C-alpha atoms as a PDB file:
ATOM      1  CA  UNK A   1     -14.973 -43.527  15.819  1.00  0.00           C
ATOM      2  CA  UNK A   2     -11.684 -42.908  14.087  1.00  0.00           C
ATOM      3  CA  UNK A   3      -8.757 -42.147  16.335  1.00  0.00           C
ATOM      4  CA  UNK A   4      -6.243 -39.426  15.737  1.00  0.00           C
ATOM      5  CA  UNK A   5      -2.692 -40.514  15.182  1.00  0.00           C
ATOM      6  CA  UNK A   6      -1.128 -41.750  18.395  1.00  0.00           C
ATOM      7  CA  UNK A   7       2.284 -40.200  17.430  1.00  0.00           C
ATOM      8  CA  UNK A   8       2.180 -36.655  18.711  1.00  0.00           C
ATOM      9  CA  UNK A   9       5.127 -35.673  16.467  1.00  0.00           C
ATOM     10  CA  UNK A  10       3.119 -36.531  13.323  1.00  0.00           C
ATOM     11  CA  UNK A  11       0.425 -33.977  14.075  1.00  0.00           C
ATOM     12  CA  UNK A  12       0.336 -30.975  11.742  1.00  0.00           C
ATOM     13  CA  UNK A  13       0.011 -27.453  12.995  1.00  0.00           C
ATOM     14  CA  UNK A  14      -3.604 -27.136  11.988  1.00  0.00           C
ATOM     15  CA  UNK A  15      -4.375 -30.447  13.779  1.00  0.00           C
ATOM     16  CA  UNK A  16      -2.739 -29.199  16.956  1.00  0.00           C
ATOM     17  CA  UNK A  17      -4.761 -25.910  16.641  1.00  0.00           C
ATOM     18  CA  UNK A  18      -7.945 -27.994  16.187  1.00  0.00           C
ATOM     19  CA  UNK A  19      -7.227 -29.997  19.363  1.00  0.00           C
ATOM     20  CA  UNK A  20      -6.481 -26.817  21.223  1.00  0.00           C
ATOM     21  CA  UNK A  21      -9.785 -25.227  20.116  1.00  0.00           C
ATOM     22  CA  UNK A  22     -11.801 -28.284  21.141  1.00  0.00           C
ATOM     23  CA  UNK A  23     -10.082 -28.485  24.481  1.00  0.00           C
ATOM     24  CA  UNK A  24     -10.632 -24.844  25.594  1.00  0.00           C
ATOM     25  CA  UNK A  25     -14.391 -25.081  25.229  1.00  0.00           C
ATOM     26  CA  UNK A  26     -17.102 -23.247  23.310  1.00  0.00           C
ATOM     27  CA  UNK A  27     -16.888 -19.790  24.984  1.00  0.00           C
ATOM     28  CA  UNK A  28     -13.120 -19.439  24.658  1.00  0.00           C
ATOM     29  CA  UNK A  29     -12.899 -20.866  21.123  1.00  0.00           C
ATOM     30  CA  UNK A  30     -15.724 -18.552  20.005  1.00  0.00           C
ATOM     31  CA  UNK A  31     -13.583 -15.541  20.935  1.00  0.00           C
ATOM     32  CA  UNK A  32     -10.728 -16.851  18.831  1.00  0.00           C
ATOM     33  CA  UNK A  33     -13.017 -17.722  15.877  1.00  0.00           C
ATOM     34  CA  UNK A  34     -14.239 -14.091  15.904  1.00  0.00           C
ATOM     35  CA  UNK A  35     -10.665 -12.982  15.039  1.00  0.00           C
ATOM     36  CA  UNK A  36     -10.243 -15.361  12.093  1.00  0.00           C
ATOM     37  CA  UNK A  37     -11.287 -14.823   8.492  1.00  0.00           C
ATOM     38  CA  UNK A  38     -13.594 -17.272   6.641  1.00  0.00           C
ATOM     39  CA  UNK A  39     -10.774 -19.272   5.086  1.00  0.00           C
ATOM     40  CA  UNK A  40      -8.988 -19.782   8.424  1.00  0.00           C
ATOM     41  CA  UNK A  41     -12.209 -20.887  10.048  1.00  0.00           C
ATOM     42  CA  UNK A  42     -12.888 -23.324   7.159  1.00  0.00           C
ATOM     43  CA  UNK A  43      -9.350 -24.855   7.342  1.00  0.00           C
ATOM     44  CA  UNK A  44      -9.488 -25.196  11.133  1.00  0.00           C
ATOM     45  CA  UNK A  45     -13.061 -26.646  11.089  1.00  0.00           C
ATOM     46  CA  UNK A  46     -12.047 -29.221   8.599  1.00  0.00           C
ATOM     47  CA  UNK A  47      -9.114 -30.283  10.698  1.00  0.00           C
ATOM     48  CA  UNK A  48     -11.249 -30.446  13.856  1.00  0.00           C
ATOM     49  CA  UNK A  49     -13.983 -32.541  12.186  1.00  0.00           C
ATOM     50  CA  UNK A  50     -11.477 -35.151  11.031  1.00  0.00           C
ATOM     51  CA  UNK A  51      -9.626 -35.593  14.350  1.00  0.00           C
ATOM     52  CA  UNK A  52     -11.716 -38.426  15.795  1.00  0.00           C
ATOM     53  CA  UNK A  53     -11.043 -39.277  19.462  1.00  0.00           C
ATOM     54  CA  UNK A  54      -7.994 -37.725  21.105  1.00  0.00           C
ATOM     55  CA  UNK A  55      -6.687 -39.270  24.326  1.00  0.00           C
ATOM     56  CA  UNK A  56      -6.062 -37.187  27.455  1.00  0.00           C
ATOM     57  CA  UNK A  57      -2.260 -37.683  27.397  1.00  0.00           C
ATOM     58  CA  UNK A  58      -2.055 -36.114  23.904  1.00  0.00           C
ATOM     59  CA  UNK A  59      -4.117 -33.098  25.010  1.00  0.00           C
ATOM     60  CA  UNK A  60      -1.930 -32.711  28.099  1.00  0.00           C
ATOM     61  CA  UNK A  61       1.238 -32.838  25.958  1.00  0.00           C
ATOM     62  CA  UNK A  62      -0.198 -30.196  23.622  1.00  0.00           C
ATOM     63  CA  UNK A  63      -0.819 -27.755  26.494  1.00  0.00           C
ATOM     64  CA  UNK A  64       2.572 -28.456  27.984  1.00  0.00           C
ATOM     65  CA  UNK A  65       4.222 -27.627  24.699  1.00  0.00           C
ATOM     66  CA  UNK A  66       2.155 -24.497  24.376  1.00  0.00           C
ATOM     67  CA  UNK A  67       3.078 -23.378  27.908  1.00  0.00           C
ATOM     68  CA  UNK A  68       6.739 -24.203  27.358  1.00  0.00           C
ATOM     69  CA  UNK A  69       6.889 -22.162  24.172  1.00  0.00           C
ATOM     70  CA  UNK A  70       5.295 -19.158  26.012  1.00  0.00           C
ATOM     71  CA  UNK A  71       7.593 -19.358  29.012  1.00  0.00           C
ATOM     72  CA  UNK A  72      10.906 -20.369  27.395  1.00  0.00           C
ATOM     73  CA  UNK A  73      11.750 -16.908  26.143  1.00  0.00           C
ATOM     74  CA  UNK A  74       9.770 -15.013  28.779  1.00  0.00           C
ATOM     75  CA  UNK A  75       7.271 -13.808  26.199  1.00  0.00           C
ATOM     76  CA  UNK A  76       6.517 -13.791  22.512  1.00  0.00           C
ATOM     77  CA  UNK A  77       8.247 -11.924  19.685  1.00  0.00           C
ATOM     78  CA  UNK A  78       5.955 -11.200  16.821  1.00  0.00           C
ATOM     79  CA  UNK A  79       7.572 -10.602  13.403  1.00  0.00           C
ATOM     80  CA  UNK A  80       7.020 -11.414   9.751  1.00  0.00           C
ATOM     81  CA  UNK A  81       9.512 -14.243   9.941  1.00  0.00           C
ATOM     82  CA  UNK A  82       8.095 -15.853  13.098  1.00  0.00           C
ATOM     83  CA  UNK A  83       4.508 -15.522  11.697  1.00  0.00           C
ATOM     84  CA  UNK A  84       5.609 -17.146   8.426  1.00  0.00           C
ATOM     85  CA  UNK A  85       7.221 -20.070  10.254  1.00  0.00           C
ATOM     86  CA  UNK A  86       4.055 -20.620  12.280  1.00  0.00           C
ATOM     87  CA  UNK A  87       1.852 -20.540   9.194  1.00  0.00           C
ATOM     88  CA  UNK A  88       4.105 -22.969   7.365  1.00  0.00           C
ATOM     89  CA  UNK A  89       3.252 -25.574   9.943  1.00  0.00           C
ATOM     90  CA  UNK A  90      -0.482 -25.222   9.307  1.00  0.00           C
ATOM     91  CA  UNK A  91      -1.048 -24.184   5.718  1.00  0.00           C
ATOM     92  CA  UNK A  92       0.246 -25.093   2.227  1.00  0.00           C
ATOM     93  CA  UNK A  93       3.323 -23.158   1.139  1.00  0.00           C
ATOM     94  CA  UNK A  94       1.461 -21.319  -1.670  1.00  0.00           C
ATOM     95  CA  UNK A  95      -1.261 -20.151   0.712  1.00  0.00           C
ATOM     96  CA  UNK A  96       1.383 -18.950   3.223  1.00  0.00           C
ATOM     97  CA  UNK A  97       3.190 -17.001   0.479  1.00  0.00           C
ATOM     98  CA  UNK A  98      -0.115 -15.315  -0.514  1.00  0.00           C
ATOM     99  CA  UNK A  99      -0.938 -14.388   3.115  1.00  0.00           C
ATOM    100  CA  UNK A 100       2.491 -12.895   3.689  1.00  0.00           C
ATOM    101  CA  UNK A 101       2.359 -10.870   0.491  1.00  0.00           C
ATOM    102  CA  UNK A 102      -1.031  -9.498   1.500  1.00  0.00           C
ATOM    103  CA  UNK A 103       0.361  -8.629   4.949  1.00  0.00           C
ATOM    104  CA  UNK A 104       3.214  -6.653   3.393  1.00  0.00           C
ATOM    105  CA  UNK A 105       0.786  -4.816   1.197  1.00  0.00           C
ATOM    106  CA  UNK A 106      -1.548  -1.960   2.282  1.00  0.00           C
ATOM    107  CA  UNK A 107      -3.178  -2.237   5.740  1.00  0.00           C
ATOM    108  CA  UNK A 108      -6.851  -3.142   6.073  1.00  0.00           C
ATOM    109  CA  UNK A 109      -9.076  -5.995   7.022  1.00  0.00           C
ATOM    110  CA  UNK A 110     -10.987  -6.278   3.787  1.00  0.00           C
ATOM    111  CA  UNK A 111      -9.899  -5.765   0.189  1.00  0.00           C
ATOM    112  CA  UNK A 112     -11.767  -2.436   0.080  1.00  0.00           C
ATOM    113  CA  UNK A 113     -10.138  -1.272   3.344  1.00  0.00           C
ATOM    114  CA  UNK A 114      -6.754  -2.075   1.747  1.00  0.00           C
ATOM    115  CA  UNK A 115      -7.571  -0.116  -1.366  1.00  0.00           C
ATOM    116  CA  UNK A 116      -8.406   2.852   0.857  1.00  0.00           C
ATOM    117  CA  UNK A 117      -4.732   2.926   1.941  1.00  0.00           C
ATOM    118  CA  UNK A 118      -3.337   2.863  -1.554  1.00  0.00           C
ATOM    119  CA  UNK A 119      -2.117   6.199  -2.976  1.00  0.00           C
ATOM    120  CA  UNK A 120      -4.708   7.535  -5.458  1.00  0.00           C
ATOM    121  CA  UNK A 121      -2.134   8.029  -8.214  1.00  0.00           C
ATOM    122  CA  UNK A 122      -0.988   4.380  -7.912  1.00  0.00           C
ATOM    123  CA  UNK A 123      -4.582   3.086  -7.866  1.00  0.00           C
ATOM    124  CA  UNK A 124      -5.577   5.296 -10.804  1.00  0.00           C
ATOM    125  CA  UNK A 125      -2.592   4.085 -12.804  1.00  0.00           C
ATOM    126  CA  UNK A 126      -3.757   0.506 -12.313  1.00  0.00           C
ATOM    127  CA  UNK A 127      -7.463   1.137 -12.955  1.00  0.00           C
ATOM    128  CA  UNK A 128      -6.930   3.086 -16.187  1.00  0.00           C
ATOM    129  CA  UNK A 129      -6.127  -0.252 -17.886  1.00  0.00           C
ATOM    130  CA  UNK A 130      -9.275  -1.930 -16.628  1.00  0.00           C
ATOM    131  CA  UNK A 131     -12.820  -2.010 -18.112  1.00  0.00           C
ATOM    132  CA  UNK A 132     -14.894   1.073 -17.113  1.00  0.00           C
ATOM    133  CA  UNK A 133     -17.473  -1.282 -15.541  1.00  0.00           C
ATOM    134  CA  UNK A 134     -14.830  -2.835 -13.297  1.00  0.00           C
ATOM    135  CA  UNK A 135     -13.563   0.640 -12.293  1.00  0.00           C
ATOM    136  CA  UNK A 136     -17.131   1.647 -11.567  1.00  0.00           C
ATOM    137  CA  UNK A 137     -17.523  -1.282  -9.159  1.00  0.00           C
ATOM    138  CA  UNK A 138     -14.256  -0.473  -7.437  1.00  0.00           C
ATOM    139  CA  UNK A 139     -15.058   3.274  -7.062  1.00  0.00           C
ATOM    140  CA  UNK A 140     -18.506   2.452  -5.646  1.00  0.00           C
ATOM    141  CA  UNK A 141     -16.901   0.293  -2.906  1.00  0.00           C
ATOM    142  CA  UNK A 142     -14.150   2.650  -1.662  1.00  0.00           C
ATOM    143  CA  UNK A 143     -14.692   5.809   0.396  1.00  0.00           C
ATOM    144  CA  UNK A 144     -16.130   8.806  -1.619  1.00  0.00           C
ATOM    145  CA  UNK A 145     -13.203  11.158  -0.868  1.00  0.00           C
ATOM    146  CA  UNK A 146     -10.732   8.571  -2.098  1.00  0.00           C
ATOM    147  CA  UNK A 147     -12.863   7.772  -5.142  1.00  0.00           C
ATOM    148  CA  UNK A 148     -13.013  11.470  -6.055  1.00  0.00           C
ATOM    149  CA  UNK A 149      -9.245  11.792  -6.016  1.00  0.00           C
ATOM    150  CA  UNK A 150      -8.821   8.689  -8.202  1.00  0.00           C
ATOM    151  CA  UNK A 151     -11.411   9.997 -10.682  1.00  0.00           C
ATOM    152  CA  UNK A 152      -9.600  13.327 -10.910  1.00  0.00           C
ATOM    153  CA  UNK A 153      -6.361  11.599 -11.938  1.00  0.00           C
ATOM    154  CA  UNK A 154      -7.854   9.195 -14.521  1.00  0.00           C
ATOM    155  CA  UNK A 155      -8.000  10.418 -18.134  1.00  0.00           C
ATOM    156  CA  UNK A 156     -11.035  12.668 -18.521  1.00  0.00           C
ATOM    157  CA  UNK A 157     -12.930  10.607 -21.176  1.00  0.00           C
ATOM    158  CA  UNK A 158     -12.299   7.432 -19.247  1.00  0.00           C
ATOM    159  CA  UNK A 159     -13.445   9.108 -16.025  1.00  0.00           C
ATOM    160  CA  UNK A 160     -16.704  10.154 -17.648  1.00  0.00           C
ATOM    161  CA  UNK A 161     -17.310   6.669 -18.920  1.00  0.00           C
ATOM    162  CA  UNK A 162     -16.794   5.301 -15.406  1.00  0.00           C
ATOM    163  CA  UNK A 163     -19.168   7.948 -13.973  1.00  0.00           C
ATOM    164  CA  UNK A 164     -21.891   6.997 -16.451  1.00  0.00           C
ATOM    165  CA  UNK A 165     -21.451   3.303 -15.575  1.00  0.00           C
ATOM    166  CA  UNK A 166     -21.733   4.150 -11.836  1.00  0.00           C
ATOM    167  CA  UNK A 167     -24.963   6.179 -12.475  1.00  0.00           C
ATOM    168  CA  UNK A 168     -26.504   3.270 -14.378  1.00  0.00           C
ATOM    169  CA  UNK A 169     -25.224   0.608 -12.001  1.00  0.00           C
ATOM    170  CA  UNK A 170     -27.727  -1.390  -9.991  1.00  0.00           C
ATOM    171  CA  UNK A 171     -26.951  -3.748  -7.121  1.00  0.00           C
ATOM    172  CA  UNK A 172     -23.781  -5.633  -7.993  1.00  0.00           C
ATOM    173  CA  UNK A 173     -24.211  -9.412  -8.015  1.00  0.00           C
ATOM    174  CA  UNK A 174     -22.103 -11.233  -5.460  1.00  0.00           C
ATOM    175  CA  UNK A 175     -20.290 -13.367  -7.973  1.00  0.00           C
ATOM    176  CA  UNK A 176     -19.194 -10.280  -9.971  1.00  0.00           C
ATOM    177  CA  UNK A 177     -18.014  -8.577  -6.769  1.00  0.00           C
ATOM    178  CA  UNK A 178     -16.139 -11.707  -5.722  1.00  0.00           C
ATOM    179  CA  UNK A 179     -14.442 -11.828  -9.183  1.00  0.00           C
ATOM    180  CA  UNK A 180     -13.329  -8.225  -8.967  1.00  0.00           C
ATOM    181  CA  UNK A 181     -12.053  -8.783  -5.474  1.00  0.00           C
ATOM    182  CA  UNK A 182     -10.055 -11.882  -6.488  1.00  0.00           C
ATOM    183  CA  UNK A 183      -8.543 -10.074  -9.428  1.00  0.00           C
ATOM    184  CA  UNK A 184      -7.495  -7.147  -7.298  1.00  0.00           C
ATOM    185  CA  UNK A 185      -5.966  -9.502  -4.738  1.00  0.00           C
ATOM    186  CA  UNK A 186      -4.130 -11.728  -7.202  1.00  0.00           C
ATOM    187  CA  UNK A 187      -2.874  -8.937  -9.515  1.00  0.00           C
ATOM    188  CA  UNK A 188      -2.809  -5.551  -7.940  1.00  0.00           C
ATOM    189  CA  UNK A 189      -2.215  -6.275  -4.236  1.00  0.00           C
ATOM    190  CA  UNK A 190       0.330  -9.003  -4.923  1.00  0.00           C
ATOM    191  CA  UNK A 191       2.351  -6.701  -7.180  1.00  0.00           C
ATOM    192  CA  UNK A 192       2.191  -3.928  -4.592  1.00  0.00           C
ATOM    193  CA  UNK A 193       3.444  -6.297  -1.905  1.00  0.00           C
ATOM    194  CA  UNK A 194       6.282  -7.468  -4.122  1.00  0.00           C
ATOM    195  CA  UNK A 195       7.371  -3.941  -4.948  1.00  0.00           C
ATOM    196  CA  UNK A 196       7.254  -3.107  -1.268  1.00  0.00           C
ATOM    197  CA  UNK A 197      10.281  -5.349  -0.659  1.00  0.00           C
ATOM    198  CA  UNK A 198      12.820  -2.662  -1.330  1.00  0.00           C
ATOM    199  CA  UNK A 199      16.213  -1.688  -0.037  1.00  0.00           C
ATOM    200  CA  UNK A 200      15.999  -0.103   3.400  1.00  0.00           C
ATOM    201  CA  UNK A 201      17.701   3.079   2.144  1.00  0.00           C
ATOM    202  CA  UNK A 202      14.971   3.477  -0.520  1.00  0.00           C
ATOM    203  CA  UNK A 203      12.292   3.091   2.151  1.00  0.00           C
ATOM    204  CA  UNK A 204      14.008   5.713   4.303  1.00  0.00           C
ATOM    205  CA  UNK A 205      14.359   8.068   1.341  1.00  0.00           C
ATOM    206  CA  UNK A 206      10.601   7.891   0.818  1.00  0.00           C
ATOM    207  CA  UNK A 207       9.984   8.554   4.504  1.00  0.00           C
ATOM    208  CA  UNK A 208      12.341  11.521   4.465  1.00  0.00           C
ATOM    209  CA  UNK A 209      10.577  12.822   1.370  1.00  0.00           C
ATOM    210  CA  UNK A 210       7.403  13.070   3.461  1.00  0.00           C
ATOM    211  CA  UNK A 211       8.910  14.848   6.404  1.00  0.00           C
ATOM    212  CA  UNK A 212       8.626  18.620   6.775  1.00  0.00           C
ATOM    213  CA  UNK A 213      11.869  20.485   6.106  1.00  0.00           C
ATOM    214  CA  UNK A 214      12.817  21.177   9.708  1.00  0.00           C
ATOM    215  CA  UNK A 215      12.247  17.582  10.812  1.00  0.00           C
ATOM    216  CA  UNK A 216      14.094  16.236   7.706  1.00  0.00           C
ATOM    217  CA  UNK A 217      17.072  18.473   8.389  1.00  0.00           C
ATOM    218  CA  UNK A 218      17.174  17.447  12.041  1.00  0.00           C
ATOM    219  CA  UNK A 219      17.142  13.753  11.248  1.00  0.00           C
ATOM    220  CA  UNK A 220      19.577  14.040   8.361  1.00  0.00           C
ATOM    221  CA  UNK A 221      22.067  15.990  10.487  1.00  0.00           C
ATOM    222  CA  UNK A 222      21.817  13.381  13.269  1.00  0.00           C
ATOM    223  CA  UNK A 223      22.186  10.556  10.745  1.00  0.00           C
ATOM    224  CA  UNK A 224      25.305  12.174   9.160  1.00  0.00           C
ATOM    225  CA  UNK A 225      26.923  12.190  12.585  1.00  0.00           C
ATOM    226  CA  UNK A 226      26.235   8.502  13.113  1.00  0.00           C
ATOM    227  CA  UNK A 227      26.542   7.062   9.582  1.00  0.00           C
ATOM    228  CA  UNK A 228      27.604   9.502   6.905  1.00  0.00           C
ATOM    229  CA  UNK A 229      27.575   6.810   4.189  1.00  0.00           C
ATOM    230  CA  UNK A 230      23.918   5.937   4.771  1.00  0.00           C
ATOM    231  CA  UNK A 231      22.969   9.630   4.959  1.00  0.00           C
ATOM    232  CA  UNK A 232      24.642  10.304   1.596  1.00  0.00           C
ATOM    233  CA  UNK A 233      22.926   7.296   0.032  1.00  0.00           C
ATOM    234  CA  UNK A 234      19.517   8.412   1.325  1.00  0.00           C
ATOM    235  CA  UNK A 235      20.140  11.909  -0.032  1.00  0.00           C
ATOM    236  CA  UNK A 236      20.945  10.484  -3.455  1.00  0.00           C
ATOM    237  CA  UNK A 237      17.727   8.463  -3.485  1.00  0.00           C
ATOM    238  CA  UNK A 238      15.461  11.257  -2.251  1.00  0.00           C
ATOM    239  CA  UNK A 239      13.274  12.994  -4.818  1.00  0.00           C
ATOM    240  CA  UNK A 240      12.250  16.503  -4.075  1.00  0.00           C
ATOM    241  CA  UNK A 241       9.920  19.000  -5.702  1.00  0.00           C
ATOM    242  CA  UNK A 242      12.870  20.922  -7.142  1.00  0.00           C
ATOM    243  CA  UNK A 243      13.966  17.677  -8.921  1.00  0.00           C
ATOM    244  CA  UNK A 244      10.963  18.231 -11.173  1.00  0.00           C
ATOM    245  CA  UNK A 245      13.243  20.602 -13.070  1.00  0.00           C
ATOM    246  CA  UNK A 246      14.595  17.350 -14.734  1.00  0.00           C
ATOM    247  CA  UNK A 247      11.169  16.501 -16.226  1.00  0.00           C
ATOM    248  CA  UNK A 248      10.622  17.429 -19.870  1.00  0.00           C
ATOM    249  CA  UNK A 249       7.845  19.648 -21.156  1.00  0.00           C
ATOM    250  CA  UNK A 250       5.542  16.732 -22.025  1.00  0.00           C
ATOM    251  CA  UNK A 251       5.945  15.298 -18.558  1.00  0.00           C
ATOM    252  CA  UNK A 252       5.239  18.666 -16.880  1.00  0.00           C
ATOM    253  CA  UNK A 253       2.073  19.046 -19.000  1.00  0.00           C
ATOM    254  CA  UNK A 254       0.838  15.573 -17.947  1.00  0.00           C
ATOM    255  CA  UNK A 255       1.615  16.431 -14.336  1.00  0.00           C
ATOM    256  CA  UNK A 256      -0.402  19.635 -14.680  1.00  0.00           C
ATOM    257  CA  UNK A 257      -3.365  17.642 -15.872  1.00  0.00           C
ATOM    258  CA  UNK A 258      -3.136  15.301 -12.864  1.00  0.00           C
ATOM    259  CA  UNK A 259      -2.656  18.003 -10.168  1.00  0.00           C
ATOM    260  CA  UNK A 260      -5.237  20.132  -8.406  1.00  0.00           C
ATOM    261  CA  UNK A 261      -4.847  23.852  -9.182  1.00  0.00           C
ATOM    262  CA  UNK A 262      -4.956  24.970  -5.558  1.00  0.00           C
ATOM    263  CA  UNK A 263      -2.438  22.340  -4.564  1.00  0.00           C
ATOM    264  CA  UNK A 264      -0.008  23.402  -7.331  1.00  0.00           C
ATOM    265  CA  UNK A 265      -0.319  27.082  -6.429  1.00  0.00           C
ATOM    266  CA  UNK A 266       0.607  26.276  -2.859  1.00  0.00           C
ATOM    267  CA  UNK A 267       3.509  24.088  -3.946  1.00  0.00           C
ATOM    268  CA  UNK A 268       4.899  26.712  -6.322  1.00  0.00           C
ATOM    269  CA  UNK A 269       4.899  29.322  -3.509  1.00  0.00           C
ATOM    270  CA  UNK A 270       7.922  27.512  -2.010  1.00  0.00           C
ATOM    271  CA  UNK A 271       9.572  26.282  -5.195  1.00  0.00           C
ATOM    272  CA  UNK A 272      12.799  27.439  -6.771  1.00  0.00           C
ATOM    273  CA  UNK A 273      12.593  30.006  -9.545  1.00  0.00           C
ATOM    274  CA  UNK A 274      13.699  27.362 -12.053  1.00  0.00           C
ATOM    275  CA  UNK A 275      10.840  25.028 -11.234  1.00  0.00           C
ATOM    276  CA  UNK A 276       8.303  27.884 -11.165  1.00  0.00           C
ATOM    277  CA  UNK A 277       9.342  29.010 -14.644  1.00  0.00           C
ATOM    278  CA  UNK A 278       9.221  25.466 -15.918  1.00  0.00           C
ATOM    279  CA  UNK A 279       5.593  25.016 -14.833  1.00  0.00           C
ATOM    280  CA  UNK A 280       4.530  28.470 -16.128  1.00  0.00           C
ATOM    281  CA  UNK A 281       6.246  27.841 -19.465  1.00  0.00           C
ATOM    282  CA  UNK A 282       4.008  24.782 -19.942  1.00  0.00           C
ATOM    283  CA  UNK A 283       0.761  26.596 -19.157  1.00  0.00           C
ATOM    284  CA  UNK A 284      -1.244  28.744 -21.509  1.00  0.00           C
ATOM    285  CA  UNK A 285      -0.658  32.479 -21.045  1.00  0.00           C
ATOM    286  CA  UNK A 286      -4.098  32.839 -19.508  1.00  0.00           C
ATOM    287  CA  UNK A 287      -3.710  29.847 -17.162  1.00  0.00           C
ATOM    288  CA  UNK A 288      -0.269  31.083 -16.069  1.00  0.00           C
ATOM    289  CA  UNK A 289      -1.637  34.563 -15.349  1.00  0.00           C
ATOM    290  CA  UNK A 290      -4.492  33.166 -13.303  1.00  0.00           C
ATOM    291  CA  UNK A 291      -2.108  30.892 -11.344  1.00  0.00           C
ATOM    292  CA  UNK A 292       0.178  33.845 -10.460  1.00  0.00           C
ATOM    293  CA  UNK A 293      -2.864  35.876  -9.324  1.00  0.00           C
ATOM    294  CA  UNK A 294      -4.069  32.957  -7.160  1.00  0.00           C
ATOM    295  CA  UNK A 295      -0.594  32.616  -5.610  1.00  0.00           C
ATOM    296  CA  UNK A 296      -0.471  36.321  -4.793  1.00  0.00           C
ATOM    297  CA  UNK A 297      -3.922  36.111  -3.257  1.00  0.00           C
ATOM    298  CA  UNK A 298      -2.707  33.366  -0.898  1.00  0.00           C
ATOM    299  CA  UNK A 299      -0.395  35.803   0.838  1.00  0.00           C
ATOM    300  CA  UNK A 300       1.854  34.338   3.533  1.00  0.00           C
ATOM    301  CA  UNK A 301       1.463  30.547   3.824  1.00  0.00           C
ATOM    302  CA  UNK A 302       2.781  28.057   6.364  1.00  0.00           C
ATOM    303  CA  UNK A 303       5.907  26.138   5.327  1.00  0.00           C
ATOM    304  CA  UNK A 304       4.184  23.003   6.550  1.00  0.00           C
ATOM    305  CA  UNK A 305       1.343  23.440   4.066  1.00  0.00           C
ATOM    306  CA  UNK A 306       3.783  24.064   1.230  1.00  0.00           C
ATOM    307  CA  UNK A 307       5.723  20.910   2.122  1.00  0.00           C
ATOM    308  CA  UNK A 308       2.527  18.875   2.139  1.00  0.00           C
ATOM    309  CA  UNK A 309       1.456  20.209  -1.260  1.00  0.00           C
ATOM    310  CA  UNK A 310       4.891  19.581  -2.787  1.00  0.00           C
ATOM    311  CA  UNK A 311       5.041  16.108  -1.262  1.00  0.00           C
ATOM    312  CA  UNK A 312       1.611  15.195  -2.768  1.00  0.00           C
ATOM    313  CA  UNK A 313       2.719  16.354  -6.265  1.00  0.00           C
ATOM    314  CA  UNK A 314       6.019  14.493  -5.921  1.00  0.00           C
ATOM    315  CA  UNK A 315       4.088  11.285  -5.153  1.00  0.00           C
ATOM    316  CA  UNK A 316       1.985  11.762  -8.317  1.00  0.00           C
ATOM    317  CA  UNK A 317       5.110  12.364 -10.375  1.00  0.00           C
ATOM    318  CA  UNK A 318       6.810   9.269  -8.992  1.00  0.00           C
ATOM    319  CA  UNK A 319       3.726   7.142  -9.749  1.00  0.00           C
ATOM    320  CA  UNK A 320       3.594   8.498 -13.310  1.00  0.00           C
ATOM    321  CA  UNK A 321       7.358   7.767 -13.682  1.00  0.00           C
ATOM    322  CA  UNK A 322       6.933   4.243 -12.386  1.00  0.00           C
ATOM    323  CA  UNK A 323       4.175   3.709 -14.933  1.00  0.00           C
ATOM    324  CA  UNK A 324       6.447   4.974 -17.704  1.00  0.00           C
ATOM    325  CA  UNK A 325       4.093   7.955 -18.354  1.00  0.00           C
ATOM    326  CA  UNK A 326       6.863  10.528 -17.733  1.00  0.00           C
ATOM    327  CA  UNK A 327      10.626  10.397 -17.532  1.00  0.00           C
ATOM    328  CA  UNK A 328      12.530  11.972 -14.632  1.00  0.00           C
ATOM    329  CA  UNK A 329      16.152  12.478 -15.840  1.00  0.00           C
ATOM    330  CA  UNK A 330      18.951  12.545 -13.263  1.00  0.00           C
ATOM    331  CA  UNK A 331      20.835  15.155 -15.238  1.00  0.00           C
ATOM    332  CA  UNK A 332      23.762  12.882 -16.174  1.00  0.00           C
ATOM    333  CA  UNK A 333      25.141  12.258 -19.604  1.00  0.00           C
ATOM    334  CA  UNK A 334      23.228   9.013 -19.899  1.00  0.00           C
ATOM    335  CA  UNK A 335      19.961  10.989 -19.786  1.00  0.00           C
ATOM    336  CA  UNK A 336      20.835  13.308 -22.679  1.00  0.00           C
ATOM    337  CA  UNK A 337      18.573  12.966 -25.669  1.00  0.00           C
ATOM    338  CA  UNK A 338      19.858  12.583 -29.243  1.00  0.00           C
ATOM    339  CA  UNK A 339      17.770  13.845 -32.148  1.00  0.00           C
END
C-alpha cells in the first residue's frame, strides 16, 4: 500500500484533517461529518482515501500540534480572517474566496434559506430581469409570506406571468433546480456579499435607520459625546422617511406602486407636512381622499409602529435607488436639473 509522505511539513491542511478523522474513529468522525456540507465531505473523503499508511509518530505529531494550537492562546478566536487562513491551507484559493463571499452574504444553511433573509425589494429587483419560469421556481422554493411580498413589488404584468407559470408548474427536475441554485449563488449572492463590504459608518447608518426614534436619539447622543466626527458622518449617511421629499414625482409614483396602502397610511401619520403633501400630490384625488380617511380612522397609533412602517418604505426606496429606478437628490446644486 502507498505510504503518505514521511515529511510532516509537506502535508496539506486537508490531508491533516483526513488523518485526524481516521484517527478519532467512526463514532466521533460521524458527528463531524454531520456538520459538513456535501462538497466538504467529498474533498475530505478524497484526501482520506489517498493517504495510504500513516505511521504512529506522524499521528502523534498531528495531535500534539492540534493540542498546542488549542492551548497556546488559552482558547480559540473565531473570525472571518482566522477562518479564511484555515481554509487556505485546505482548499484552492478560488474555492476559499467563494466560501467567504457566501459567508458574508445573507445567513442560511441552504440557498433557499439565504434567500429568505434577503430584503424583498432587493430580491424583486434582481428577479424582474429573469425569465418568468425561473422566478416561478424561486418563488415556489421560498416561504409563502416572503414570496407574497416579492410578488407585490414586481411589475404587475410580470407578476401575473410568474403566477401563471407557478400554477402550471409540475415537479421541478433536479438538474433545473441545481442550475437555478448555481446561478443564484454565482450571480446574486456573490454580488450581495461584495456590496456588503462597506465602510463601517455606512453600516452603522443603516443600523441607526432601523432603530426606533428614542433608541436612535439615545445612541446618537452617547456617540456625539465620545466621537463627534463619527456621529456627524453617520448622520450625513442616514436616510430617513422625511428625505423622500428629495424624490421627484416620477419616483414617488413608482414608490406608491411598490408600497402597501396600509403601511403607507401608517408611515404618513408621523411624516412631515412636506412629505405628506408630496405623496398626496402624486395620488389621484379619489385615492388621496381614501388615504386621508383611512389615516383618520387609524386614530392614535404607536410611534414604534410608525417607525417600522417608515423604515420599511425607506428600504424599498433605497433598493429602487440602487437599481437606478428612482433618483434621491441630496438637495445640493449638483442635483439640480437643467431643461
